[in-house]
Amino acid sequence: MGVFDKLFGGHRSGGGSHHGGGGHHGYGQASQNVGGNSGIVCEKCRTINVPAARFCQQCGNLLAPTKCPQCGAVPQPNAKFCEQCGKRIA
């Protein structure tokens, strides 16, 4: 196994390893189901987070709402209020 394989893809999810772990732990799965499909999807890692989350539970990325909860308008990045109806979104 080459150096790059060890760094970027040499991880095995088999039954055992030299670390004694064994098995798959579910880290980095983008299909985490949080209360159905109602949640905020992280733009960076695609993890579904709880609707009230401000930061991604997987990667820590700042989560911005994809639409205003009141009127459905798409907010500008880092906007705290909706441009259409004035509802606080952040």
PDB file of N, CA and C in Angstrom:
ATOM      1  N   MET A   1       0.856  -1.170   0.000  1.00  0.00           N
ATOM      2  CA  MET A   1       0.000   0.000   0.000  1.00  0.00           C
ATOM      3  C   MET A   1       0.901   1.232   0.000  1.00  0.00           C
ATOM      4  N   GLY A   2       0.618   2.178  -0.891  1.00  0.00           N
ATOM      5  CA  GLY A   2       1.426   3.380  -1.013  1.00  0.00           C
ATOM      6  C   GLY A   2       1.114   4.402   0.064  1.00  0.00           C
ATOM      7  N   VAL A   3       1.919   5.422   0.124  1.00  0.00           N
ATOM      8  CA  VAL A   3       1.751   6.482   1.118  1.00  0.00           C
ATOM      9  C   VAL A   3       0.410   7.176   0.954  1.00  0.00           C
ATOM     10  N   PHE A   4       0.037   7.502  -0.289  1.00  0.00           N
ATOM     11  CA  PHE A   4      -1.229   8.186  -0.513  1.00  0.00           C
ATOM     12  C   PHE A   4      -2.419   7.296  -0.190  1.00  0.00           C
ATOM     13  N   ASP A   5      -2.294   5.998  -0.460  1.00  0.00           N
ATOM     14  CA  ASP A   5      -3.369   5.081  -0.101  1.00  0.00           C
ATOM     15  C   ASP A   5      -3.565   5.047   1.407  1.00  0.00           C
ATOM     16  N   LYS A   6      -2.483   5.075   2.139  1.00  0.00           N
ATOM     17  CA  LYS A   6      -2.572   5.064   3.598  1.00  0.00           C
ATOM     18  C   LYS A   6      -3.200   6.350   4.119  1.00  0.00           C
ATOM     19  N   LEU A   7      -2.855   7.475   3.504  1.00  0.00           N
ATOM     20  CA  LEU A   7      -3.370   8.762   3.963  1.00  0.00           C
ATOM     21  C   LEU A   7      -4.812   9.011   3.550  1.00  0.00           C
ATOM     22  N   PHE A   8      -5.158   8.648   2.303  1.00  0.00           N
ATOM     23  CA  PHE A   8      -6.438   9.072   1.762  1.00  0.00           C
ATOM     24  C   PHE A   8      -7.445   7.972   1.480  1.00  0.00           C
ATOM     25  N   GLY A   9      -7.133   6.761   1.722  1.00  0.00           N
ATOM     26  CA  GLY A   9      -8.137   5.765   1.404  1.00  0.00           C
ATOM     27  C   GLY A   9      -7.798   4.375   1.852  1.00  0.00           C
ATOM     28  N   GLY A  10      -6.806   4.232   2.656  1.00  0.00           N
ATOM     29  CA  GLY A  10      -6.400   2.914   3.083  1.00  0.00           C
ATOM     30  C   GLY A  10      -7.185   2.399   4.264  1.00  0.00           C
ATOM     31  N   HIS A  11      -8.251   3.074   4.641  1.00  0.00           N
ATOM     32  CA  HIS A  11      -9.035   2.635   5.794  1.00  0.00           C
ATOM     33  C   HIS A  11      -9.931   1.485   5.382  1.00  0.00           C
ATOM     34  N   ARG A  12      -9.987   0.496   6.193  1.00  0.00           N
ATOM     35  CA  ARG A  12     -10.820  -0.664   5.916  1.00  0.00           C
ATOM     36  C   ARG A  12     -11.917  -0.720   6.965  1.00  0.00           C
ATOM     37  N   SER A  13     -13.091  -1.124   6.554  1.00  0.00           N
ATOM     38  CA  SER A  13     -14.191  -1.233   7.508  1.00  0.00           C
ATOM     39  C   SER A  13     -14.493  -2.689   7.821  1.00  0.00           C
ATOM     40  N   GLY A  14     -13.492  -3.531   7.747  1.00  0.00           N
ATOM     41  CA  GLY A  14     -13.665  -4.954   8.012  1.00  0.00           C
ATOM     42  C   GLY A  14     -13.842  -5.239   9.489  1.00  0.00           C
ATOM     43  N   GLY A  15     -13.752  -6.519   9.824  1.00  0.00           N
ATOM     44  CA  GLY A  15     -14.004  -6.947  11.182  1.00  0.00           C
ATOM     45  C   GLY A  15     -12.972  -6.496  12.183  1.00  0.00           C
ATOM     46  N   GLY A  16     -11.735  -6.363  11.803  1.00  0.00           N
ATOM     47  CA  GLY A  16     -10.724  -5.986  12.776  1.00  0.00           C
ATOM     48  C   GLY A  16      -9.639  -5.157  12.131  1.00  0.00           C
ATOM     49  N   SER A  17      -8.860  -4.518  12.953  1.00  0.00           N
ATOM     50  CA  SER A  17      -7.748  -3.729  12.442  1.00  0.00           C
ATOM     51  C   SER A  17      -6.663  -3.705  13.497  1.00  0.00           C
ATOM     52  N   HIS A  18      -5.545  -3.119  13.161  1.00  0.00           N
ATOM     53  CA  HIS A  18      -4.463  -3.049  14.132  1.00  0.00           C
ATOM     54  C   HIS A  18      -4.775  -2.071  15.262  1.00  0.00           C
ATOM     55  N   HIS A  19      -5.870  -1.311  15.124  1.00  0.00           N
ATOM     56  CA  HIS A  19      -6.276  -0.404  16.196  1.00  0.00           C
ATOM     57  C   HIS A  19      -7.224  -1.086  17.180  1.00  0.00           C
ATOM     58  N   GLY A  20      -7.662  -2.271  16.858  1.00  0.00           N
ATOM     59  CA  GLY A  20      -8.541  -3.005  17.757  1.00  0.00           C
ATOM     60  C   GLY A  20      -9.987  -2.562  17.688  1.00  0.00           C
ATOM     61  N   GLY A  21     -10.316  -1.672  16.765  1.00  0.00           N
ATOM     62  CA  GLY A  21     -11.686  -1.155  16.674  1.00  0.00           C
ATOM     63  C   GLY A  21     -12.640  -2.194  16.139  1.00  0.00           C
ATOM     64  N   GLY A  22     -12.558  -2.446  14.873  1.00  0.00           N
ATOM     65  CA  GLY A  22     -13.427  -3.435  14.266  1.00  0.00           C
ATOM     66  C   GLY A  22     -14.814  -2.901  14.010  1.00  0.00           C
ATOM     67  N   GLY A  23     -15.300  -3.125  12.833  1.00  0.00           N
ATOM     68  CA  GLY A  23     -16.649  -2.695  12.502  1.00  0.00           C
ATOM     69  C   GLY A  23     -16.701  -1.260  12.021  1.00  0.00           C
ATOM     70  N   HIS A  24     -17.882  -0.872  11.594  1.00  0.00           N
ATOM     71  CA  HIS A  24     -18.098   0.469  11.055  1.00  0.00           C
ATOM     72  C   HIS A  24     -18.818   1.305  12.102  1.00  0.00           C
ATOM     73  N   HIS A  25     -18.346   2.509  12.318  1.00  0.00           N
ATOM     74  CA  HIS A  25     -18.910   3.365  13.354  1.00  0.00           C
ATOM     75  C   HIS A  25     -19.917   4.369  12.829  1.00  0.00           C
ATOM     76  N   GLY A  26     -20.056   4.512  11.520  1.00  0.00           N
ATOM     77  CA  GLY A  26     -21.050   5.419  10.973  1.00  0.00           C
ATOM     78  C   GLY A  26     -20.592   6.853  10.859  1.00  0.00           C
ATOM     79  N   TYR A  27     -19.320   7.118  11.042  1.00  0.00           N
ATOM     80  CA  TYR A  27     -18.844   8.487  10.944  1.00  0.00           C
ATOM     81  C   TYR A  27     -18.886   8.954   9.505  1.00  0.00           C
ATOM     82  N   GLY A  28     -19.286  10.187   9.294  1.00  0.00           N
ATOM     83  CA  GLY A  28     -19.261  10.787   7.979  1.00  0.00           C
ATOM     84  C   GLY A  28     -20.389  10.367   7.056  1.00  0.00           C
ATOM     85  N   GLN A  29     -21.413   9.755   7.577  1.00  0.00           N
ATOM     86  CA  GLN A  29     -22.521   9.372   6.723  1.00  0.00           C
ATOM     87  C   GLN A  29     -23.388  10.588   6.443  1.00  0.00           C
ATOM     88  N   ALA A  30     -23.697  10.811   5.181  1.00  0.00           N
ATOM     89  CA  ALA A  30     -24.511  11.954   4.806  1.00  0.00           C
ATOM     90  C   ALA A  30     -25.993  11.648   4.909  1.00  0.00           C
ATOM     91  N   SER A  31     -26.351  10.397   5.096  1.00  0.00           N
ATOM     92  CA  SER A  31     -27.754  10.036   5.103  1.00  0.00           C
ATOM     93  C   SER A  31     -28.294   9.848   6.516  1.00  0.00           C
ATOM     94  N   GLN A  32     -27.819  10.631   7.446  1.00  0.00           N
ATOM     95  CA  GLN A  32     -28.330  10.531   8.802  1.00  0.00           C
ATOM     96  C   GLN A  32     -29.757  11.047   8.820  1.00  0.00           C
ATOM     97  N   ASN A  33     -30.644  10.313   9.436  1.00  0.00           N
ATOM     98  CA  ASN A  33     -32.046  10.665   9.441  1.00  0.00           C
ATOM     99  C   ASN A  33     -32.403  11.288  10.775  1.00  0.00           C
ATOM    100  N   VAL A  34     -32.778  12.546  10.768  1.00  0.00           N
ATOM    101  CA  VAL A  34     -33.124  13.267  11.987  1.00  0.00           C
ATOM    102  C   VAL A  34     -34.595  13.629  11.902  1.00  0.00           C
ATOM    103  N   GLY A  35     -35.446  12.838  12.534  1.00  0.00           N
ATOM    104  CA  GLY A  35     -36.869  13.147  12.554  1.00  0.00           C
ATOM    105  C   GLY A  35     -37.484  13.216  11.165  1.00  0.00           C
ATOM    106  N   GLY A  36     -37.269  12.224  10.343  1.00  0.00           N
ATOM    107  CA  GLY A  36     -37.754  12.270   8.968  1.00  0.00           C
ATOM    108  C   GLY A  36     -36.795  13.071   8.115  1.00  0.00           C
ATOM    109  N   ASN A  37     -37.299  13.798   7.160  1.00  0.00           N
ATOM    110  CA  ASN A  37     -36.453  14.614   6.305  1.00  0.00           C
ATOM    111  C   ASN A  37     -36.521  16.082   6.679  1.00  0.00           C
ATOM    112  N   SER A  38     -37.102  16.422   7.814  1.00  0.00           N
ATOM    113  CA  SER A  38     -37.197  17.819   8.209  1.00  0.00           C
ATOM    114  C   SER A  38     -35.936  18.207   8.958  1.00  0.00           C
ATOM    115  N   GLY A  39     -35.088  18.946   8.307  1.00  0.00           N
ATOM    116  CA  GLY A  39     -33.848  19.384   8.907  1.00  0.00           C
ATOM    117  C   GLY A  39     -33.081  20.241   7.935  1.00  0.00           C
ATOM    118  N   ILE A  40     -31.974  20.787   8.400  1.00  0.00           N
ATOM    119  CA  ILE A  40     -31.129  21.628   7.566  1.00  0.00           C
ATOM    120  C   ILE A  40     -29.975  20.778   7.060  1.00  0.00           C
ATOM    121  N   VAL A  41     -29.791  20.756   5.750  1.00  0.00           N
ATOM    122  CA  VAL A  41     -28.703  19.993   5.140  1.00  0.00           C
ATOM    123  C   VAL A  41     -27.470  20.877   5.082  1.00  0.00           C
ATOM    124  N   CYS A  42     -26.359  20.373   5.600  1.00  0.00           N
ATOM    125  CA  CYS A  42     -25.098  21.108   5.575  1.00  0.00           C
ATOM    126  C   CYS A  42     -24.592  21.198   4.144  1.00  0.00           C
ATOM    127  N   GLU A  43     -24.245  22.404   3.707  1.00  0.00           N
ATOM    128  CA  GLU A  43     -23.735  22.617   2.348  1.00  0.00           C
ATOM    129  C   GLU A  43     -22.372  21.955   2.155  1.00  0.00           C
ATOM    130  N   LYS A  44     -21.620  21.796   3.241  1.00  0.00           N
ATOM    131  CA  LYS A  44     -20.252  21.274   3.149  1.00  0.00           C
ATOM    132  C   LYS A  44     -20.206  19.748   3.122  1.00  0.00           C
ATOM    133  N   CYS A  45     -20.869  19.093   4.090  1.00  0.00           N
ATOM    134  CA  CYS A  45     -20.755  17.631   4.195  1.00  0.00           C
ATOM    135  C   CYS A  45     -22.055  16.893   3.901  1.00  0.00           C
ATOM    136  N   ARG A  46     -23.152  17.617   3.646  1.00  0.00           N
ATOM    137  CA  ARG A  46     -24.462  17.062   3.291  1.00  0.00           C
ATOM    138  C   ARG A  46     -25.139  16.293   4.419  1.00  0.00           C
ATOM    139  N   THR A  47     -24.731  16.507   5.667  1.00  0.00           N
ATOM    140  CA  THR A  47     -25.378  15.880   6.810  1.00  0.00           C
ATOM    141  C   THR A  47     -26.688  16.599   7.105  1.00  0.00           C
ATOM    142  N   ILE A  48     -27.732  15.853   7.438  1.00  0.00           N
ATOM    143  CA  ILE A  48     -29.005  16.450   7.817  1.00  0.00           C
ATOM    144  C   ILE A  48     -28.949  16.754   9.309  1.00  0.00           C
ATOM    145  N   ASN A  49     -29.166  18.003   9.662  1.00  0.00           N
ATOM    146  CA  ASN A  49     -29.116  18.457  11.048  1.00  0.00           C
ATOM    147  C   ASN A  49     -30.512  18.821  11.534  1.00  0.00           C
ATOM    148  N   VAL A  50     -30.699  18.881  12.840  1.00  0.00           N
ATOM    149  CA  VAL A  50     -31.988  19.266  13.404  1.00  0.00           C
ATOM    150  C   VAL A  50     -32.335  20.678  12.934  1.00  0.00           C
ATOM    151  N   PRO A  51     -33.621  21.001  12.767  1.00  0.00           N
ATOM    152  CA  PRO A  51     -34.009  22.304  12.227  1.00  0.00           C
ATOM    153  C   PRO A  51     -33.500  23.508  13.017  1.00  0.00           C
ATOM    154  N   ALA A  52     -33.326  23.383  14.316  1.00  0.00           N
ATOM    155  CA  ALA A  52     -32.893  24.521  15.131  1.00  0.00           C
ATOM    156  C   ALA A  52     -31.373  24.681  15.198  1.00  0.00           C
ATOM    157  N   ALA A  53     -30.629  23.783  14.559  1.00  0.00           N
ATOM    158  CA  ALA A  53     -29.162  23.820  14.643  1.00  0.00           C
ATOM    159  C   ALA A  53     -28.600  25.043  13.929  1.00  0.00           C
ATOM    160  N   ARG A  54     -27.581  25.660  14.525  1.00  0.00           N
ATOM    161  CA  ARG A  54     -26.889  26.784  13.889  1.00  0.00           C
ATOM    162  C   ARG A  54     -25.591  26.330  13.247  1.00  0.00           C
ATOM    163  N   PHE A  55     -25.044  25.203  13.745  1.00  0.00           N
ATOM    164  CA  PHE A  55     -23.803  24.649  13.215  1.00  0.00           C
ATOM    165  C   PHE A  55     -24.017  23.170  12.924  1.00  0.00           C
ATOM    166  N   CYS A  56     -23.316  22.658  11.922  1.00  0.00           N
ATOM    167  CA  CYS A  56     -23.433  21.254  11.543  1.00  0.00           C
ATOM    168  C   CYS A  56     -22.891  20.368  12.661  1.00  0.00           C
ATOM    169  N   GLN A  57     -23.647  19.337  13.007  1.00  0.00           N
ATOM    170  CA  GLN A  57     -23.226  18.417  14.064  1.00  0.00           C
ATOM    171  C   GLN A  57     -22.098  17.512  13.610  1.00  0.00           C
ATOM    172  N   GLN A  58     -21.861  17.405  12.294  1.00  0.00           N
ATOM    173  CA  GLN A  58     -20.811  16.543  11.771  1.00  0.00           C
ATOM    174  C   GLN A  58     -19.497  17.290  11.555  1.00  0.00           C
ATOM    175  N   CYS A  59     -19.555  18.463  10.887  1.00  0.00           N
ATOM    176  CA  CYS A  59     -18.319  19.157  10.510  1.00  0.00           C
ATOM    177  C   CYS A  59     -18.158  20.532  11.146  1.00  0.00           C
ATOM    178  N   GLY A  60     -19.184  21.056  11.818  1.00  0.00           N
ATOM    179  CA  GLY A  60     -19.084  22.351  12.480  1.00  0.00           C
ATOM    180  C   GLY A  60     -19.334  23.544  11.580  1.00  0.00           C
ATOM    181  N   ASN A  61     -19.688  23.312  10.322  1.00  0.00           N
ATOM    182  CA  ASN A  61     -19.953  24.393   9.378  1.00  0.00           C
ATOM    183  C   ASN A  61     -21.169  25.205   9.830  1.00  0.00           C
ATOM    184  N   LEU A  62     -21.126  26.528   9.633  1.00  0.00           N
ATOM    185  CA  LEU A  62     -22.259  27.388   9.952  1.00  0.00           C
ATOM    186  C   LEU A  62     -23.411  27.045   9.020  1.00  0.00           C
ATOM    187  N   LEU A  63     -24.582  26.783   9.587  1.00  0.00           N
ATOM    188  CA  LEU A  63     -25.750  26.420   8.793  1.00  0.00           C
ATOM    189  C   LEU A  63     -26.603  27.651   8.543  1.00  0.00           C
ATOM    190  N   ALA A  64     -26.908  27.917   7.301  1.00  0.00           N
ATOM    191  CA  ALA A  64     -27.784  29.023   6.939  1.00  0.00           C
ATOM    192  C   ALA A  64     -29.107  28.427   6.473  1.00  0.00           C
ATOM    193  N   PRO A  65     -30.223  29.011   6.881  1.00  0.00           N
ATOM    194  CA  PRO A  65     -31.498  28.478   6.414  1.00  0.00           C
ATOM    195  C   PRO A  65     -31.611  28.605   4.895  1.00  0.00           C
ATOM    196  N   THR A  66     -32.214  27.603   4.259  1.00  0.00           N
ATOM    197  CA  THR A  66     -32.342  27.630   2.808  1.00  0.00           C
ATOM    198  C   THR A  66     -33.517  28.481   2.360  1.00  0.00           C
ATOM    199  N   LYS A  67     -34.467  28.742   3.272  1.00  0.00           N
ATOM    200  CA  LYS A  67     -35.594  29.611   2.951  1.00  0.00           C
ATOM    201  C   LYS A  67     -36.163  30.194   4.235  1.00  0.00           C
ATOM    202  N   CYS A  68     -36.859  31.299   4.087  1.00  0.00           N
ATOM    203  CA  CYS A  68     -37.497  31.956   5.230  1.00  0.00           C
ATOM    204  C   CYS A  68     -38.628  31.068   5.739  1.00  0.00           C
ATOM    205  N   PRO A  69     -38.711  30.843   7.051  1.00  0.00           N
ATOM    206  CA  PRO A  69     -39.771  29.991   7.578  1.00  0.00           C
ATOM    207  C   PRO A  69     -41.162  30.615   7.453  1.00  0.00           C
ATOM    208  N   GLN A  70     -41.234  31.933   7.256  1.00  0.00           N
ATOM    209  CA  GLN A  70     -42.534  32.603   7.171  1.00  0.00           C
ATOM    210  C   GLN A  70     -43.032  32.736   5.735  1.00  0.00           C
ATOM    211  N   CYS A  71     -42.187  33.278   4.837  1.00  0.00           N
ATOM    212  CA  CYS A  71     -42.657  33.548   3.474  1.00  0.00           C
ATOM    213  C   CYS A  71     -42.018  32.654   2.417  1.00  0.00           C
ATOM    214  N   GLY A  72     -40.955  31.919   2.761  1.00  0.00           N
ATOM    215  CA  GLY A  72     -40.327  31.012   1.823  1.00  0.00           C
ATOM    216  C   GLY A  72     -39.274  31.629   0.924  1.00  0.00           C
ATOM    217  N   ALA A  73     -38.977  32.918   1.104  1.00  0.00           N
ATOM    218  CA  ALA A  73     -37.949  33.569   0.287  1.00  0.00           C
ATOM    219  C   ALA A  73     -36.572  33.018   0.647  1.00  0.00           C
ATOM    220  N   VAL A  74     -35.661  33.022  -0.312  1.00  0.00           N
ATOM    221  CA  VAL A  74     -34.295  32.550  -0.090  1.00  0.00           C
ATOM    222  C   VAL A  74     -33.462  33.711   0.444  1.00  0.00           C
ATOM    223  N   PRO A  75     -32.899  33.571   1.660  1.00  0.00           N
ATOM    224  CA  PRO A  75     -32.127  34.676   2.250  1.00  0.00           C
ATOM    225  C   PRO A  75     -30.724  34.781   1.666  1.00  0.00           C
ATOM    226  N   GLN A  76     -30.149  35.948   1.780  1.00  0.00           N
ATOM    227  CA  GLN A  76     -28.759  36.165   1.406  1.00  0.00           C
ATOM    228  C   GLN A  76     -27.873  35.481   2.448  1.00  0.00           C
ATOM    229  N   PRO A  77     -26.660  35.060   2.067  1.00  0.00           N
ATOM    230  CA  PRO A  77     -25.754  34.464   3.056  1.00  0.00           C
ATOM    231  C   PRO A  77     -25.502  35.431   4.213  1.00  0.00           C
ATOM    232  N   ASN A  78     -25.498  34.916   5.421  1.00  0.00           N
ATOM    233  CA  ASN A  78     -25.266  35.666   6.662  1.00  0.00           C
ATOM    234  C   ASN A  78     -26.359  36.669   6.990  1.00  0.00           C
ATOM    235  N   ALA A  79     -27.506  36.632   6.305  1.00  0.00           N
ATOM    236  CA  ALA A  79     -28.615  37.537   6.620  1.00  0.00           C
ATOM    237  C   ALA A  79     -29.252  37.116   7.936  1.00  0.00           C
ATOM    238  N   LYS A  80     -29.629  38.090   8.739  1.00  0.00           N
ATOM    239  CA  LYS A  80     -30.296  37.805  10.011  1.00  0.00           C
ATOM    240  C   LYS A  80     -31.805  37.961   9.900  1.00  0.00           C
ATOM    241  N   PHE A  81     -32.244  38.702   8.891  1.00  0.00           N
ATOM    242  CA  PHE A  81     -33.667  38.928   8.674  1.00  0.00           C
ATOM    243  C   PHE A  81     -33.999  38.699   7.203  1.00  0.00           C
ATOM    244  N   CYS A  82     -35.223  38.277   6.939  1.00  0.00           N
ATOM    245  CA  CYS A  82     -35.685  38.063   5.576  1.00  0.00           C
ATOM    246  C   CYS A  82     -35.865  39.407   4.880  1.00  0.00           C
ATOM    247  N   GLU A  83     -35.386  39.509   3.640  1.00  0.00           N
ATOM    248  CA  GLU A  83     -35.527  40.737   2.861  1.00  0.00           C
ATOM    249  C   GLU A  83     -36.969  40.975   2.431  1.00  0.00           C
ATOM    250  N   GLN A  84     -37.771  39.925   2.342  1.00  0.00           N
ATOM    251  CA  GLN A  84     -39.143  40.040   1.855  1.00  0.00           C
ATOM    252  C   GLN A  84     -40.142  40.400   2.953  1.00  0.00           C
ATOM    253  N   CYS A  85     -40.054  39.716   4.103  1.00  0.00           N
ATOM    254  CA  CYS A  85     -41.076  39.911   5.135  1.00  0.00           C
ATOM    255  C   CYS A  85     -40.532  40.430   6.462  1.00  0.00           C
ATOM    256  N   GLY A  86     -39.220  40.447   6.632  1.00  0.00           N
ATOM    257  CA  GLY A  86     -38.627  40.966   7.861  1.00  0.00           C
ATOM    258  C   GLY A  86     -38.499  39.960   8.995  1.00  0.00           C
ATOM    259  N   LYS A  87     -38.917  38.714   8.771  1.00  0.00           N
ATOM    260  CA  LYS A  87     -38.835  37.675   9.807  1.00  0.00           C
ATOM    261  C   LYS A  87     -37.376  37.389  10.145  1.00  0.00           C
ATOM    262  N   ARG A  88     -37.078  37.253  11.443  1.00  0.00           N
ATOM    263  CA  ARG A  88     -35.718  36.901  11.873  1.00  0.00           C
ATOM    264  C   ARG A  88     -35.437  35.464  11.444  1.00  0.00           C
ATOM    265  N   ILE A  89     -34.316  35.258  10.746  1.00  0.00           N
ATOM    266  CA  ILE A  89     -33.994  33.926  10.240  1.00  0.00           C
ATOM    267  C   ILE A  89     -32.719  33.358  10.833  1.00  0.00           C
ATOM    268  N   ALA A  90     -31.965  34.156  11.554  1.00  0.00           N
ATOM    269  CA  ALA A  90     -30.709  33.656  12.128  1.00  0.00           C
ATOM    270  C   ALA A  90     -30.605  34.023  13.586  1.00  0.00           C
TER     271      ALA A  90
END
